[in-house]
Amino acid sequence: MSRTGTGLAIRAGAVAAGLALAAAAAWAGPATEQLRASVQRVLEIVQEPELKKPQNTEKRRVAIRQVARQLFDFDEMARRALARHWAQRNPEERKRFTELFADLLENSYVSKIESYGGEKIAYLPEQAEGDTVTVRSKLVTQRGTEVPIDYRMQKEGERFKVFDVTIEGVSLVANYRTQFNKIITQSSYGELVKKMELKQLEVAEEQRTRTKTP
């Protein structure tokens, strides 16, 4: 389990670990096809020569974030991650928490995408249960190790959107739920927000420093 505070963004990388991949050809249903198409679009952005230039770093990250917002249901992920504490929040608090949580996930997603190393992913037949579809896959590392990665998705309009990712049986949302609940119960909801805001500022400063570095 990640350490409170400094560990808030660590597990978010699990999302990117399954998405920053070159997809192996394997059709398994509409949810899988939409996921695969989003992955392919992100890889095109990452590999675009013009966007690789240092002066276009921010433009590249904005493009990746746009795809991520179409792929992930951050509202649903935030609600599930906050769990029983969600009902106690007013509309403004919910909105702010969702913004911070989405930013946390997006920052981790972008950083992992940018370190793409040519990993492969094989899609397995997707599983439907009520309104939820689980897109099952296996990450194949360059050493040949297989890592099971499942994406839980729900249909929103004409698109399926991810609301949880499970890596080797560990749920991203459940992991965050544990961390958030621990901070709230040991301190307060306000303390959780402060930690998330601090992390947001740290990441922003780190990005500014990288942009300025020749």
C-alpha atoms as a PDB file:
ATOM      1  CA  MET A   1       0.000   0.000   0.000  1.00  0.00           C
ATOM      2  CA  SER A   2       1.254   3.462  -0.863  1.00  0.00           C
ATOM      3  CA  ARG A   3       2.286   5.723   1.985  1.00  0.00           C
ATOM      4  CA  THR A   4      -0.256   8.437   2.855  1.00  0.00           C
ATOM      5  CA  GLY A   5       0.331  11.749   1.095  1.00  0.00           C
ATOM      6  CA  THR A   6       3.378  10.950  -1.021  1.00  0.00           C
ATOM      7  CA  GLY A   7       1.688   7.852  -2.347  1.00  0.00           C
ATOM      8  CA  LEU A   8      -1.419   9.536  -3.720  1.00  0.00           C
ATOM      9  CA  ALA A   9      -0.222   9.486  -7.328  1.00  0.00           C
ATOM     10  CA  ILE A  10       1.729   6.241  -7.341  1.00  0.00           C
ATOM     11  CA  ARG A  11      -1.102   3.829  -7.962  1.00  0.00           C
ATOM     12  CA  ALA A  12      -2.604   6.084 -10.628  1.00  0.00           C
ATOM     13  CA  GLY A  13       0.219   4.866 -12.833  1.00  0.00           C
ATOM     14  CA  ALA A  14      -1.559   1.545 -13.001  1.00  0.00           C
ATOM     15  CA  VAL A  15      -4.020   3.067 -15.446  1.00  0.00           C
ATOM     16  CA  ALA A  16      -1.310   4.100 -17.851  1.00  0.00           C
ATOM     17  CA  ALA A  17       0.511   0.801 -17.498  1.00  0.00           C
ATOM     18  CA  GLY A  18      -2.316  -0.856 -19.361  1.00  0.00           C
ATOM     19  CA  LEU A  19      -3.040   1.887 -21.872  1.00  0.00           C
ATOM     20  CA  ALA A  20       0.323   3.086 -23.182  1.00  0.00           C
ATOM     21  CA  LEU A  21       0.690   0.030 -25.337  1.00  0.00           C
ATOM     22  CA  ALA A  22       0.770  -1.140 -28.937  1.00  0.00           C
ATOM     23  CA  ALA A  23      -2.388  -3.212 -29.280  1.00  0.00           C
ATOM     24  CA  ALA A  24      -2.156  -6.724 -30.670  1.00  0.00           C
ATOM     25  CA  ALA A  25      -4.767  -7.520 -33.281  1.00  0.00           C
ATOM     26  CA  ALA A  26      -7.682  -9.249 -31.545  1.00  0.00           C
ATOM     27  CA  TRP A  27     -11.284  -8.167 -31.935  1.00  0.00           C
ATOM     28  CA  ALA A  28     -13.445  -8.833 -28.908  1.00  0.00           C
ATOM     29  CA  GLY A  29     -16.469  -6.522 -29.074  1.00  0.00           C
ATOM     30  CA  PRO A  30     -17.459  -2.837 -29.281  1.00  0.00           C
ATOM     31  CA  ALA A  31     -16.077  -1.821 -25.875  1.00  0.00           C
ATOM     32  CA  THR A  32     -12.730  -3.401 -26.727  1.00  0.00           C
ATOM     33  CA  GLU A  33     -12.670  -1.718 -30.129  1.00  0.00           C
ATOM     34  CA  GLN A  34     -13.323   1.707 -28.600  1.00  0.00           C
ATOM     35  CA  LEU A  35     -10.600   1.155 -26.013  1.00  0.00           C
ATOM     36  CA  ARG A  36      -8.168  -0.015 -28.674  1.00  0.00           C
ATOM     37  CA  ALA A  37      -8.947   2.996 -30.873  1.00  0.00           C
ATOM     38  CA  SER A  38      -8.241   5.381 -27.973  1.00  0.00           C
ATOM     39  CA  VAL A  39      -4.958   3.626 -27.238  1.00  0.00           C
ATOM     40  CA  GLN A  40      -3.941   3.872 -30.886  1.00  0.00           C
ATOM     41  CA  ARG A  41      -4.748   7.578 -30.978  1.00  0.00           C
ATOM     42  CA  VAL A  42      -2.600   8.225 -27.909  1.00  0.00           C
ATOM     43  CA  LEU A  43       0.310   6.315 -29.409  1.00  0.00           C
ATOM     44  CA  GLU A  44       0.034   8.360 -32.593  1.00  0.00           C
ATOM     45  CA  ILE A  45       0.282  11.534 -30.503  1.00  0.00           C
ATOM     46  CA  VAL A  46       3.295  10.238 -28.563  1.00  0.00           C
ATOM     47  CA  GLN A  47       5.097   9.151 -31.733  1.00  0.00           C
ATOM     48  CA  GLU A  48       4.297  12.270 -33.780  1.00  0.00           C
ATOM     49  CA  PRO A  49       7.737  13.791 -34.654  1.00  0.00           C
ATOM     50  CA  GLU A  50       6.550  17.386 -34.378  1.00  0.00           C
ATOM     51  CA  LEU A  51       4.989  16.811 -30.965  1.00  0.00           C
ATOM     52  CA  LYS A  52       8.166  15.142 -29.689  1.00  0.00           C
ATOM     53  CA  LYS A  53      10.015  18.457 -29.857  1.00  0.00           C
ATOM     54  CA  PRO A  54      10.681  20.037 -26.417  1.00  0.00           C
ATOM     55  CA  GLN A  55       8.881  23.253 -27.356  1.00  0.00           C
ATOM     56  CA  ASN A  56       5.721  21.227 -28.051  1.00  0.00           C
ATOM     57  CA  THR A  57       5.656  19.357 -24.740  1.00  0.00           C
ATOM     58  CA  GLU A  58       2.567  21.171 -23.462  1.00  0.00           C
ATOM     59  CA  LYS A  59       0.751  20.764 -26.774  1.00  0.00           C
ATOM     60  CA  ARG A  60       1.469  17.025 -26.703  1.00  0.00           C
ATOM     61  CA  ARG A  61       0.210  16.670 -23.141  1.00  0.00           C
ATOM     62  CA  VAL A  62      -2.960  18.599 -23.887  1.00  0.00           C
ATOM     63  CA  ALA A  63      -3.666  16.271 -26.815  1.00  0.00           C
ATOM     64  CA  ILE A  64      -3.132  13.188 -24.633  1.00  0.00           C
ATOM     65  CA  ARG A  65      -5.387  14.616 -21.930  1.00  0.00           C
ATOM     66  CA  GLN A  66      -8.160  15.179 -24.468  1.00  0.00           C
ATOM     67  CA  VAL A  67      -8.132  11.499 -25.395  1.00  0.00           C
ATOM     68  CA  ALA A  68      -7.993  10.497 -21.729  1.00  0.00           C
ATOM     69  CA  ARG A  69     -11.091  12.558 -20.932  1.00  0.00           C
ATOM     70  CA  GLN A  70     -12.977  10.763 -23.692  1.00  0.00           C
ATOM     71  CA  LEU A  71     -11.839   7.383 -22.420  1.00  0.00           C
ATOM     72  CA  PHE A  72     -12.203   7.684 -18.630  1.00  0.00           C
ATOM     73  CA  ASP A  73     -15.350   8.460 -16.657  1.00  0.00           C
ATOM     74  CA  PHE A  74     -13.618  10.593 -14.036  1.00  0.00           C
ATOM     75  CA  ASP A  75     -16.906  11.549 -12.359  1.00  0.00           C
ATOM     76  CA  GLU A  76     -17.773   7.904 -11.725  1.00  0.00           C
ATOM     77  CA  MET A  77     -14.221   7.054 -10.666  1.00  0.00           C
ATOM     78  CA  ALA A  78     -14.181   9.940  -8.186  1.00  0.00           C
ATOM     79  CA  ARG A  79     -17.536   8.914  -6.689  1.00  0.00           C
ATOM     80  CA  ARG A  80     -16.437   5.311  -6.270  1.00  0.00           C
ATOM     81  CA  ALA A  81     -13.033   6.275  -4.864  1.00  0.00           C
ATOM     82  CA  LEU A  82     -14.545   8.544  -2.217  1.00  0.00           C
ATOM     83  CA  ALA A  83     -17.210   5.895  -1.480  1.00  0.00           C
ATOM     84  CA  ARG A  84     -19.256   6.566   1.696  1.00  0.00           C
ATOM     85  CA  HIS A  85     -17.672   9.990   2.102  1.00  0.00           C
ATOM     86  CA  TRP A  86     -19.186  11.118  -1.218  1.00  0.00           C
ATOM     87  CA  ALA A  87     -22.692  11.376   0.235  1.00  0.00           C
ATOM     88  CA  GLN A  88     -21.421  13.802   2.896  1.00  0.00           C
ATOM     89  CA  ARG A  89     -20.049  16.261   0.334  1.00  0.00           C
ATOM     90  CA  ASN A  90     -22.033  19.174  -1.087  1.00  0.00           C
ATOM     91  CA  PRO A  91     -22.147  19.831  -4.875  1.00  0.00           C
ATOM     92  CA  GLU A  92     -19.219  22.268  -4.798  1.00  0.00           C
ATOM     93  CA  GLU A  93     -17.058  19.845  -2.798  1.00  0.00           C
ATOM     94  CA  ARG A  94     -17.900  17.019  -5.166  1.00  0.00           C
ATOM     95  CA  LYS A  95     -16.997  19.150  -8.166  1.00  0.00           C
ATOM     96  CA  ARG A  96     -13.669  20.207  -6.655  1.00  0.00           C
ATOM     97  CA  PHE A  97     -12.777  16.674  -5.577  1.00  0.00           C
ATOM     98  CA  THR A  98     -13.554  15.316  -9.047  1.00  0.00           C
ATOM     99  CA  GLU A  99     -11.354  17.985 -10.635  1.00  0.00           C
ATOM    100  CA  LEU A 100      -8.438  17.153  -8.340  1.00  0.00           C
ATOM    101  CA  PHE A 101      -8.854  13.405  -8.760  1.00  0.00           C
ATOM    102  CA  ALA A 102      -9.058  13.685 -12.555  1.00  0.00           C
ATOM    103  CA  ASP A 103      -5.945  15.865 -12.590  1.00  0.00           C
ATOM    104  CA  LEU A 104      -4.121  13.330 -10.417  1.00  0.00           C
ATOM    105  CA  LEU A 105      -4.963  10.485 -12.774  1.00  0.00           C
ATOM    106  CA  GLU A 106      -4.254  12.492 -15.918  1.00  0.00           C
ATOM    107  CA  ASN A 107      -0.821  13.594 -14.726  1.00  0.00           C
ATOM    108  CA  SER A 108       0.158  10.020 -13.998  1.00  0.00           C
ATOM    109  CA  TYR A 109      -1.331   8.873 -17.307  1.00  0.00           C
ATOM    110  CA  VAL A 110       0.646  11.442 -19.298  1.00  0.00           C
ATOM    111  CA  SER A 111       3.935  10.687 -17.541  1.00  0.00           C
ATOM    112  CA  LYS A 112       3.558   6.946 -18.152  1.00  0.00           C
ATOM    113  CA  ILE A 113       2.514   7.439 -21.778  1.00  0.00           C
ATOM    114  CA  GLU A 114       5.598   9.539 -22.443  1.00  0.00           C
ATOM    115  CA  SER A 115       7.816   6.670 -21.234  1.00  0.00           C
ATOM    116  CA  TYR A 116       6.233   4.248 -23.715  1.00  0.00           C
ATOM    117  CA  GLY A 117       8.681   1.450 -24.460  1.00  0.00           C
ATOM    118  CA  GLY A 118       6.996  -0.674 -27.123  1.00  0.00           C
ATOM    119  CA  GLU A 119       5.076  -3.060 -24.835  1.00  0.00           C
ATOM    120  CA  LYS A 120       2.347  -5.180 -26.406  1.00  0.00           C
ATOM    121  CA  ILE A 121      -1.173  -5.999 -25.287  1.00  0.00           C
ATOM    122  CA  ALA A 122      -3.411  -8.886 -26.296  1.00  0.00           C
ATOM    123  CA  TYR A 123      -7.166  -8.476 -25.894  1.00  0.00           C
ATOM    124  CA  LEU A 124      -9.319 -11.353 -24.693  1.00  0.00           C
ATOM    125  CA  PRO A 125     -13.089 -11.755 -25.162  1.00  0.00           C
ATOM    126  CA  GLU A 126     -14.897  -9.052 -23.237  1.00  0.00           C
ATOM    127  CA  GLN A 127     -17.435  -9.967 -20.557  1.00  0.00           C
ATOM    128  CA  ALA A 128     -20.796  -8.237 -20.104  1.00  0.00           C
ATOM    129  CA  GLU A 129     -22.710  -8.165 -16.817  1.00  0.00           C
ATOM    130  CA  GLY A 130     -25.745  -5.906 -16.775  1.00  0.00           C
ATOM    131  CA  ASP A 131     -24.656  -2.411 -17.808  1.00  0.00           C
ATOM    132  CA  THR A 132     -20.980  -3.166 -17.170  1.00  0.00           C
ATOM    133  CA  VAL A 133     -18.530  -4.559 -19.702  1.00  0.00           C
ATOM    134  CA  THR A 134     -15.127  -5.880 -18.652  1.00  0.00           C
ATOM    135  CA  VAL A 135     -12.473  -5.661 -21.335  1.00  0.00           C
ATOM    136  CA  ARG A 136      -9.913  -8.329 -20.482  1.00  0.00           C
ATOM    137  CA  SER A 137      -6.349  -8.129 -21.673  1.00  0.00           C
ATOM    138  CA  LYS A 138      -2.790  -9.278 -21.085  1.00  0.00           C
ATOM    139  CA  LEU A 139       0.188  -6.949 -21.116  1.00  0.00           C
ATOM    140  CA  VAL A 140       3.184  -8.659 -22.668  1.00  0.00           C
ATOM    141  CA  THR A 141       6.461  -7.077 -21.609  1.00  0.00           C
ATOM    142  CA  GLN A 142       9.595  -7.107 -23.755  1.00  0.00           C
ATOM    143  CA  ARG A 143      10.838  -9.995 -21.585  1.00  0.00           C
ATOM    144  CA  GLY A 144       7.721 -12.001 -22.386  1.00  0.00           C
ATOM    145  CA  THR A 145       6.100 -11.650 -18.963  1.00  0.00           C
ATOM    146  CA  GLU A 146       2.298 -11.526 -19.069  1.00  0.00           C
ATOM    147  CA  VAL A 147       0.386  -9.167 -16.786  1.00  0.00           C
ATOM    148  CA  PRO A 148      -3.437  -9.431 -16.683  1.00  0.00           C
ATOM    149  CA  ILE A 149      -5.175  -6.052 -16.991  1.00  0.00           C
ATOM    150  CA  ASP A 150      -8.954  -5.654 -16.953  1.00  0.00           C
ATOM    151  CA  TYR A 151     -10.913  -2.492 -17.754  1.00  0.00           C
ATOM    152  CA  ARG A 152     -14.395  -2.059 -16.341  1.00  0.00           C
ATOM    153  CA  MET A 153     -16.486   0.086 -18.652  1.00  0.00           C
ATOM    154  CA  GLN A 154     -20.005   1.488 -18.839  1.00  0.00           C
ATOM    155  CA  LYS A 155     -21.814   2.902 -21.843  1.00  0.00           C
ATOM    156  CA  GLU A 156     -22.353   6.642 -21.814  1.00  0.00           C
ATOM    157  CA  GLY A 157     -24.320   7.726 -24.869  1.00  0.00           C
ATOM    158  CA  GLU A 158     -22.656   6.061 -27.837  1.00  0.00           C
ATOM    159  CA  ARG A 159     -19.342   5.424 -26.093  1.00  0.00           C
ATOM    160  CA  PHE A 160     -18.028   3.045 -23.467  1.00  0.00           C
ATOM    161  CA  LYS A 161     -15.991   4.753 -20.749  1.00  0.00           C
ATOM    162  CA  VAL A 162     -13.569   3.250 -18.232  1.00  0.00           C
ATOM    163  CA  PHE A 163     -14.503   3.596 -14.554  1.00  0.00           C
ATOM    164  CA  ASP A 164     -11.946   1.201 -13.085  1.00  0.00           C
ATOM    165  CA  VAL A 165      -8.804  -0.693 -14.048  1.00  0.00           C
ATOM    166  CA  THR A 166      -7.644  -3.894 -12.373  1.00  0.00           C
ATOM    167  CA  ILE A 167      -3.982  -4.876 -12.627  1.00  0.00           C
ATOM    168  CA  GLU A 168      -3.152  -8.423 -11.504  1.00  0.00           C
ATOM    169  CA  GLY A 169      -6.347  -8.495  -9.475  1.00  0.00           C
ATOM    170  CA  VAL A 170      -5.777  -5.107  -7.782  1.00  0.00           C
ATOM    171  CA  SER A 171      -8.424  -2.443  -8.434  1.00  0.00           C
ATOM    172  CA  LEU A 172      -7.195   1.105  -9.036  1.00  0.00           C
ATOM    173  CA  VAL A 173     -10.368   2.617  -7.575  1.00  0.00           C
ATOM    174  CA  ALA A 174     -10.342   0.306  -4.541  1.00  0.00           C
ATOM    175  CA  ASN A 175      -6.722   1.207  -3.887  1.00  0.00           C
ATOM    176  CA  TYR A 176      -7.519   4.906  -3.897  1.00  0.00           C
ATOM    177  CA  ARG A 177     -10.612   4.296  -1.801  1.00  0.00           C
ATOM    178  CA  THR A 178      -8.429   2.757   0.914  1.00  0.00           C
ATOM    179  CA  GLN A 179      -5.932   5.630   0.821  1.00  0.00           C
ATOM    180  CA  PHE A 180      -8.597   8.336   0.848  1.00  0.00           C
ATOM    181  CA  ASN A 181     -10.600   6.697   3.628  1.00  0.00           C
ATOM    182  CA  LYS A 182      -7.478   6.396   5.781  1.00  0.00           C
ATOM    183  CA  ILE A 183      -6.651  10.088   5.415  1.00  0.00           C
ATOM    184  CA  ILE A 184     -10.225  11.186   6.107  1.00  0.00           C
ATOM    185  CA  THR A 185     -10.734   8.947   9.145  1.00  0.00           C
ATOM    186  CA  GLN A 186      -7.324   9.709  10.659  1.00  0.00           C
ATOM    187  CA  SER A 187      -7.500  13.428   9.906  1.00  0.00           C
ATOM    188  CA  SER A 188     -10.304  15.011   7.877  1.00  0.00           C
ATOM    189  CA  TYR A 189     -11.745  15.421   4.400  1.00  0.00           C
ATOM    190  CA  GLY A 190     -10.198  18.881   4.304  1.00  0.00           C
ATOM    191  CA  GLU A 191      -6.764  17.357   4.876  1.00  0.00           C
ATOM    192  CA  LEU A 192      -7.280  15.009   1.931  1.00  0.00           C
ATOM    193  CA  VAL A 193      -8.120  17.946  -0.327  1.00  0.00           C
ATOM    194  CA  LYS A 194      -5.044  19.836   0.900  1.00  0.00           C
ATOM    195  CA  LYS A 195      -2.794  16.873   0.071  1.00  0.00           C
ATOM    196  CA  MET A 196      -4.317  16.557  -3.396  1.00  0.00           C
ATOM    197  CA  GLU A 197      -3.928  20.289  -4.030  1.00  0.00           C
ATOM    198  CA  LEU A 198      -0.307  20.133  -2.880  1.00  0.00           C
ATOM    199  CA  LYS A 199       0.358  17.262  -5.249  1.00  0.00           C
ATOM    200  CA  GLN A 200      -1.239  19.251  -8.065  1.00  0.00           C
ATOM    201  CA  LEU A 201       1.077  22.201  -7.369  1.00  0.00           C
ATOM    202  CA  GLU A 202       4.143  19.934  -7.172  1.00  0.00           C
ATOM    203  CA  VAL A 203       3.387  18.367 -10.535  1.00  0.00           C
ATOM    204  CA  ALA A 204       2.748  21.762 -12.138  1.00  0.00           C
ATOM    205  CA  GLU A 205       6.074  23.075 -10.849  1.00  0.00           C
ATOM    206  CA  GLU A 206       7.872  19.963 -12.047  1.00  0.00           C
ATOM    207  CA  GLN A 207       6.383  20.399 -15.521  1.00  0.00           C
ATOM    208  CA  ARG A 208       7.411  24.064 -15.632  1.00  0.00           C
ATOM    209  CA  THR A 209      10.956  23.133 -14.631  1.00  0.00           C
ATOM    210  CA  ARG A 210      11.177  20.473 -17.333  1.00  0.00           C
ATOM    211  CA  THR A 211       9.862  22.888 -19.947  1.00  0.00           C
ATOM    212  CA  LYS A 212      12.516  25.466 -19.052  1.00  0.00           C
ATOM    213  CA  THR A 213      15.353  22.932 -19.056  1.00  0.00           C
ATOM    214  CA  PRO A 214      17.195  23.044 -22.418  1.00  0.00           C
END
